[in-house]
Amino acid sequence: MRGTVALDARLAYEVIKATPDIYAFNRLVDSFNMMSVAMLNDKRFELELNIYGGATRALDEARTLIAAGVQLPARLLEPIRIGVNVIDEVLPRLDLAYLANSELTAVNTVKDMMRN
């Protein structure tokens, strides 16, 4: 599972770096959401979570550009790349059951948000 998450995030990043692809962007956001849940209440990842915050802010800003079919500028791509690197760094330190639970929590949170 760790390898799949890391590969999916890395590939999605490479796609949005090359072209404004909403599908790849959504996959990347899903990966970021899952990892945010996984790191959120774990003191081991306080530094990584702070770094990750810049990447998530860049993703938020990138959303409208991607939806409009606009190529992302370097000022957004760089923090997103750093966030993907954080995913690569944190994944080996996460318990697989906890990671799977984080994925379910992230998915359910998004579903709840969509209902409201």
N, C-alpha and C. Protein backbone atom coordinates (compact mmCIF):
# COMPACT_ATOMS: atom_id res chain seq x y z
N MET A 1 0.82 -1.19 0.00
CA MET A 1 0.00 0.00 0.00
C MET A 1 0.87 1.26 0.00
N ARG A 2 1.96 1.23 0.78
CA ARG A 2 2.83 2.41 0.83
C ARG A 2 3.35 2.77 -0.56
N GLY A 3 3.79 1.75 -1.27
CA GLY A 3 4.33 1.98 -2.61
C GLY A 3 3.29 2.55 -3.56
N THR A 4 2.08 2.07 -3.43
CA THR A 4 1.00 2.55 -4.28
C THR A 4 0.69 4.01 -4.00
N VAL A 5 0.64 4.37 -2.73
CA VAL A 5 0.35 5.76 -2.36
C VAL A 5 1.46 6.68 -2.88
N ALA A 6 2.69 6.28 -2.65
CA ALA A 6 3.83 7.11 -3.08
C ALA A 6 3.86 7.24 -4.60
N LEU A 7 3.67 6.14 -5.29
CA LEU A 7 3.70 6.17 -6.75
C LEU A 7 2.54 6.98 -7.31
N ASP A 8 1.37 6.81 -6.74
CA ASP A 8 0.21 7.55 -7.21
C ASP A 8 0.41 9.06 -7.04
N ALA A 9 0.93 9.45 -5.89
CA ALA A 9 1.17 10.88 -5.64
C ALA A 9 2.23 11.41 -6.60
N ARG A 10 3.30 10.68 -6.77
CA ARG A 10 4.39 11.12 -7.64
C ARG A 10 3.92 11.23 -9.09
N LEU A 11 3.19 10.22 -9.56
CA LEU A 11 2.71 10.25 -10.95
C LEU A 11 1.70 11.38 -11.16
N ALA A 12 0.80 11.55 -10.21
CA ALA A 12 -0.18 12.63 -10.34
C ALA A 12 0.52 13.98 -10.38
N TYR A 13 1.54 14.14 -9.56
CA TYR A 13 2.30 15.40 -9.59
C TYR A 13 2.95 15.61 -10.96
N GLU A 14 3.58 14.58 -11.48
CA GLU A 14 4.25 14.71 -12.78
C GLU A 14 3.26 15.07 -13.88
N VAL A 15 2.05 14.52 -13.79
CA VAL A 15 1.04 14.85 -14.80
C VAL A 15 0.62 16.31 -14.69
N ILE A 16 0.31 16.76 -13.46
CA ILE A 16 -0.15 18.16 -13.35
C ILE A 16 0.99 19.15 -13.61
N LYS A 17 2.21 18.69 -13.46
CA LYS A 17 3.35 19.54 -13.80
C LYS A 17 3.40 19.75 -15.32
N ALA A 18 3.01 18.74 -16.06
CA ALA A 18 3.08 18.79 -17.52
C ALA A 18 1.84 19.38 -18.16
N THR A 19 0.68 19.14 -17.55
CA THR A 19 -0.58 19.57 -18.15
C THR A 19 -1.64 19.72 -17.07
N PRO A 20 -2.57 20.65 -17.24
CA PRO A 20 -3.62 20.84 -16.22
C PRO A 20 -4.69 19.74 -16.32
N ASP A 21 -4.43 18.62 -15.69
CA ASP A 21 -5.31 17.45 -15.76
C ASP A 21 -6.09 17.32 -14.45
N ILE A 22 -7.40 17.49 -14.52
CA ILE A 22 -8.23 17.48 -13.31
C ILE A 22 -8.24 16.10 -12.64
N TYR A 23 -8.19 15.05 -13.43
CA TYR A 23 -8.18 13.70 -12.86
C TYR A 23 -6.92 13.48 -12.03
N ALA A 24 -5.78 13.84 -12.58
CA ALA A 24 -4.51 13.69 -11.84
C ALA A 24 -4.51 14.60 -10.62
N PHE A 25 -5.04 15.79 -10.78
CA PHE A 25 -5.11 16.72 -9.65
C PHE A 25 -5.94 16.12 -8.52
N ASN A 26 -7.08 15.55 -8.85
CA ASN A 26 -7.94 14.94 -7.83
C ASN A 26 -7.25 13.75 -7.15
N ARG A 27 -6.51 12.97 -7.91
CA ARG A 27 -5.75 11.86 -7.31
C ARG A 27 -4.71 12.39 -6.33
N LEU A 28 -4.06 13.48 -6.72
CA LEU A 28 -3.05 14.06 -5.84
C LEU A 28 -3.70 14.61 -4.57
N VAL A 29 -4.82 15.28 -4.72
CA VAL A 29 -5.54 15.80 -3.55
C VAL A 29 -5.96 14.65 -2.64
N ASP A 30 -6.43 13.56 -3.21
CA ASP A 30 -6.80 12.40 -2.40
C ASP A 30 -5.60 11.88 -1.59
N SER A 31 -4.46 11.81 -2.23
CA SER A 31 -3.25 11.36 -1.53
C SER A 31 -2.88 12.32 -0.41
N PHE A 32 -2.96 13.61 -0.71
CA PHE A 32 -2.63 14.61 0.31
C PHE A 32 -3.61 14.55 1.47
N ASN A 33 -4.89 14.37 1.18
CA ASN A 33 -5.88 14.29 2.25
C ASN A 33 -5.61 13.09 3.16
N MET A 34 -5.34 11.95 2.55
CA MET A 34 -5.07 10.75 3.33
C MET A 34 -3.84 10.95 4.21
N MET A 35 -2.80 11.51 3.65
CA MET A 35 -1.58 11.71 4.43
C MET A 35 -1.76 12.77 5.51
N SER A 36 -2.59 13.76 5.25
CA SER A 36 -2.88 14.76 6.28
C SER A 36 -3.54 14.10 7.48
N VAL A 37 -4.50 13.24 7.21
CA VAL A 37 -5.17 12.52 8.29
C VAL A 37 -4.16 11.66 9.04
N ALA A 38 -3.29 10.99 8.31
CA ALA A 38 -2.31 10.10 8.94
C ALA A 38 -1.33 10.86 9.83
N MET A 39 -0.96 12.07 9.44
CA MET A 39 0.05 12.82 10.20
C MET A 39 -0.55 13.70 11.28
N LEU A 40 -1.82 13.99 11.18
CA LEU A 40 -2.44 15.05 11.98
C LEU A 40 -2.20 14.95 13.48
N ASN A 41 -2.43 13.83 14.06
CA ASN A 41 -2.31 13.72 15.52
C ASN A 41 -1.11 12.90 15.96
N ASP A 42 -0.10 12.86 15.13
CA ASP A 42 1.10 12.09 15.44
C ASP A 42 2.27 13.06 15.63
N LYS A 43 2.72 13.19 16.85
CA LYS A 43 3.77 14.15 17.18
C LYS A 43 5.07 13.89 16.41
N ARG A 44 5.26 12.68 15.93
CA ARG A 44 6.47 12.38 15.15
C ARG A 44 6.52 13.20 13.87
N PHE A 45 5.37 13.66 13.41
CA PHE A 45 5.31 14.31 12.11
C PHE A 45 4.99 15.80 12.20
N GLU A 46 5.25 16.43 13.34
CA GLU A 46 4.95 17.86 13.48
C GLU A 46 5.69 18.70 12.44
N LEU A 47 6.97 18.46 12.28
CA LEU A 47 7.75 19.22 11.30
C LEU A 47 7.23 18.98 9.89
N GLU A 48 7.02 17.72 9.56
CA GLU A 48 6.53 17.38 8.23
C GLU A 48 5.16 17.99 7.96
N LEU A 49 4.33 18.01 8.98
CA LEU A 49 2.99 18.58 8.82
C LEU A 49 3.06 20.09 8.56
N ASN A 50 3.99 20.76 9.20
CA ASN A 50 4.18 22.19 8.94
C ASN A 50 4.63 22.43 7.50
N ILE A 51 5.57 21.63 7.04
CA ILE A 51 6.04 21.75 5.66
C ILE A 51 4.90 21.42 4.70
N TYR A 52 4.16 20.41 5.04
CA TYR A 52 3.04 19.94 4.23
C TYR A 52 1.97 21.01 4.07
N GLY A 53 1.84 21.87 5.07
CA GLY A 53 0.85 22.93 5.01
C GLY A 53 1.04 23.84 3.81
N GLY A 54 2.28 24.15 3.48
CA GLY A 54 2.55 24.97 2.30
C GLY A 54 2.10 24.29 1.03
N ALA A 55 2.30 22.99 0.98
CA ALA A 55 1.88 22.23 -0.20
C ALA A 55 0.36 22.20 -0.33
N THR A 56 -0.32 22.04 0.79
CA THR A 56 -1.79 22.00 0.71
C THR A 56 -2.36 23.36 0.33
N ARG A 57 -1.73 24.43 0.80
CA ARG A 57 -2.17 25.77 0.38
C ARG A 57 -1.95 25.97 -1.12
N ALA A 58 -0.84 25.47 -1.62
CA ALA A 58 -0.57 25.57 -3.06
C ALA A 58 -1.59 24.75 -3.85
N LEU A 59 -1.96 23.59 -3.34
CA LEU A 59 -2.98 22.77 -4.00
C LEU A 59 -4.32 23.50 -4.03
N ASP A 60 -4.66 24.15 -2.93
CA ASP A 60 -5.92 24.91 -2.89
C ASP A 60 -5.93 25.99 -3.96
N GLU A 61 -4.82 26.68 -4.08
CA GLU A 61 -4.73 27.74 -5.09
C GLU A 61 -4.71 27.16 -6.51
N ALA A 62 -4.09 26.01 -6.66
CA ALA A 62 -3.98 25.38 -7.98
C ALA A 62 -5.32 24.88 -8.49
N ARG A 63 -6.23 24.59 -7.59
CA ARG A 63 -7.52 24.01 -7.98
C ARG A 63 -8.22 24.83 -9.06
N THR A 64 -8.31 26.13 -8.88
CA THR A 64 -9.02 26.96 -9.86
C THR A 64 -8.27 27.04 -11.19
N LEU A 65 -6.95 27.04 -11.12
CA LEU A 65 -6.17 27.07 -12.35
C LEU A 65 -6.34 25.78 -13.14
N ILE A 66 -6.26 24.66 -12.44
CA ILE A 66 -6.43 23.36 -13.10
C ILE A 66 -7.82 23.27 -13.72
N ALA A 67 -8.83 23.68 -12.97
CA ALA A 67 -10.21 23.62 -13.48
C ALA A 67 -10.39 24.49 -14.72
N ALA A 68 -9.62 25.57 -14.79
CA ALA A 68 -9.69 26.46 -15.95
C ALA A 68 -8.78 26.02 -17.09
N GLY A 69 -8.05 24.92 -16.88
CA GLY A 69 -7.16 24.42 -17.92
C GLY A 69 -5.87 25.21 -18.06
N VAL A 70 -5.47 25.88 -16.98
CA VAL A 70 -4.27 26.71 -17.00
C VAL A 70 -3.09 25.91 -16.43
N GLN A 71 -1.97 25.99 -17.11
CA GLN A 71 -0.75 25.34 -16.64
C GLN A 71 -0.31 25.96 -15.32
N LEU A 72 0.06 25.12 -14.37
CA LEU A 72 0.46 25.63 -13.05
C LEU A 72 1.83 26.30 -13.12
N PRO A 73 1.96 27.45 -12.48
CA PRO A 73 3.26 28.13 -12.45
C PRO A 73 4.20 27.45 -11.45
N ALA A 74 5.47 27.71 -11.61
CA ALA A 74 6.50 27.12 -10.74
C ALA A 74 6.27 27.48 -9.28
N ARG A 75 5.73 28.66 -9.00
CA ARG A 75 5.52 29.07 -7.61
C ARG A 75 4.52 28.17 -6.90
N LEU A 76 3.66 27.48 -7.64
CA LEU A 76 2.74 26.50 -7.05
C LEU A 76 3.29 25.08 -7.14
N LEU A 77 3.96 24.79 -8.23
CA LEU A 77 4.49 23.44 -8.41
C LEU A 77 5.56 23.09 -7.37
N GLU A 78 6.39 24.05 -7.03
CA GLU A 78 7.48 23.76 -6.10
C GLU A 78 6.98 23.33 -4.72
N PRO A 79 6.06 24.05 -4.08
CA PRO A 79 5.58 23.56 -2.79
C PRO A 79 4.82 22.24 -2.90
N ILE A 80 4.14 22.03 -4.01
CA ILE A 80 3.44 20.75 -4.19
C ILE A 80 4.46 19.62 -4.30
N ARG A 81 5.54 19.86 -5.02
CA ARG A 81 6.61 18.85 -5.13
C ARG A 81 7.19 18.54 -3.76
N ILE A 82 7.38 19.56 -2.96
CA ILE A 82 7.89 19.35 -1.61
C ILE A 82 6.91 18.51 -0.80
N GLY A 83 5.62 18.76 -0.96
CA GLY A 83 4.61 17.95 -0.29
C GLY A 83 4.66 16.49 -0.71
N VAL A 84 4.88 16.26 -1.98
CA VAL A 84 5.01 14.88 -2.47
C VAL A 84 6.26 14.24 -1.85
N ASN A 85 7.32 15.00 -1.72
CA ASN A 85 8.52 14.48 -1.07
C ASN A 85 8.26 14.13 0.39
N VAL A 86 7.43 14.93 1.05
CA VAL A 86 7.06 14.63 2.44
C VAL A 86 6.31 13.30 2.50
N ILE A 87 5.42 13.09 1.55
CA ILE A 87 4.70 11.81 1.49
C ILE A 87 5.70 10.67 1.40
N ASP A 88 6.67 10.80 0.51
CA ASP A 88 7.70 9.76 0.35
C ASP A 88 8.47 9.53 1.65
N GLU A 89 8.72 10.59 2.38
CA GLU A 89 9.50 10.48 3.61
C GLU A 89 8.70 9.88 4.76
N VAL A 90 7.43 10.21 4.84
CA VAL A 90 6.60 9.79 5.97
C VAL A 90 6.08 8.36 5.80
N LEU A 91 5.75 7.98 4.61
CA LEU A 91 5.11 6.68 4.38
C LEU A 91 5.82 5.49 5.04
N PRO A 92 7.13 5.37 4.93
CA PRO A 92 7.78 4.20 5.54
C PRO A 92 7.66 4.16 7.07
N ARG A 93 7.34 5.29 7.67
CA ARG A 93 7.25 5.37 9.13
C ARG A 93 5.83 5.16 9.64
N LEU A 94 4.89 4.93 8.74
CA LEU A 94 3.50 4.73 9.13
C LEU A 94 3.14 3.25 9.17
N ASP A 95 2.37 2.89 10.15
CA ASP A 95 1.82 1.55 10.25
C ASP A 95 0.79 1.37 9.13
N LEU A 96 0.80 0.23 8.47
CA LEU A 96 -0.11 0.01 7.34
C LEU A 96 -1.58 0.06 7.73
N ALA A 97 -1.91 -0.50 8.88
CA ALA A 97 -3.31 -0.46 9.32
C ALA A 97 -3.74 0.99 9.58
N TYR A 98 -2.85 1.76 10.16
CA TYR A 98 -3.14 3.17 10.41
C TYR A 98 -3.29 3.93 9.10
N LEU A 99 -2.45 3.61 8.14
CA LEU A 99 -2.53 4.24 6.83
C LEU A 99 -3.86 3.92 6.15
N ALA A 100 -4.25 2.66 6.21
CA ALA A 100 -5.53 2.26 5.61
C ALA A 100 -6.69 2.96 6.30
N ASN A 101 -6.63 3.07 7.61
CA ASN A 101 -7.67 3.78 8.35
C ASN A 101 -7.69 5.26 7.98
N SER A 102 -6.53 5.84 7.77
CA SER A 102 -6.45 7.24 7.37
C SER A 102 -7.10 7.46 6.01
N GLU A 103 -6.92 6.50 5.13
CA GLU A 103 -7.54 6.60 3.81
C GLU A 103 -9.06 6.58 3.94
N LEU A 104 -9.58 5.66 4.74
CA LEU A 104 -11.03 5.58 4.95
C LEU A 104 -11.56 6.86 5.58
N THR A 105 -10.85 7.38 6.55
CA THR A 105 -11.27 8.61 7.22
C THR A 105 -11.30 9.77 6.23
N ALA A 106 -10.26 9.88 5.42
CA ALA A 106 -10.21 10.97 4.43
C ALA A 106 -11.36 10.85 3.43
N VAL A 107 -11.62 9.66 2.95
CA VAL A 107 -12.71 9.44 1.99
C VAL A 107 -14.05 9.79 2.62
N ASN A 108 -14.27 9.33 3.83
CA ASN A 108 -15.54 9.61 4.50
C ASN A 108 -15.72 11.09 4.81
N THR A 109 -14.63 11.75 5.14
CA THR A 109 -14.70 13.19 5.40
C THR A 109 -15.11 13.95 4.14
N VAL A 110 -14.52 13.58 3.03
CA VAL A 110 -14.87 14.24 1.76
C VAL A 110 -16.32 13.95 1.39
N LYS A 111 -16.75 12.72 1.58
CA LYS A 111 -18.15 12.38 1.28
C LYS A 111 -19.10 13.20 2.15
N ASP A 112 -18.77 13.34 3.43
CA ASP A 112 -19.61 14.14 4.32
C ASP A 112 -19.66 15.59 3.87
N MET A 113 -18.53 16.11 3.44
CA MET A 113 -18.48 17.50 2.97
C MET A 113 -19.32 17.68 1.71
N MET A 114 -19.32 16.69 0.86
CA MET A 114 -20.08 16.78 -0.39
C MET A 114 -21.59 16.72 -0.14
N ARG A 115 -21.98 16.03 0.91
CA ARG A 115 -23.40 15.94 1.24
C ARG A 115 -23.95 17.25 1.79
N ASN A 116 -23.10 18.01 2.42
CA ASN A 116 -23.56 19.27 3.06
C ASN A 116 -23.44 20.45 2.16
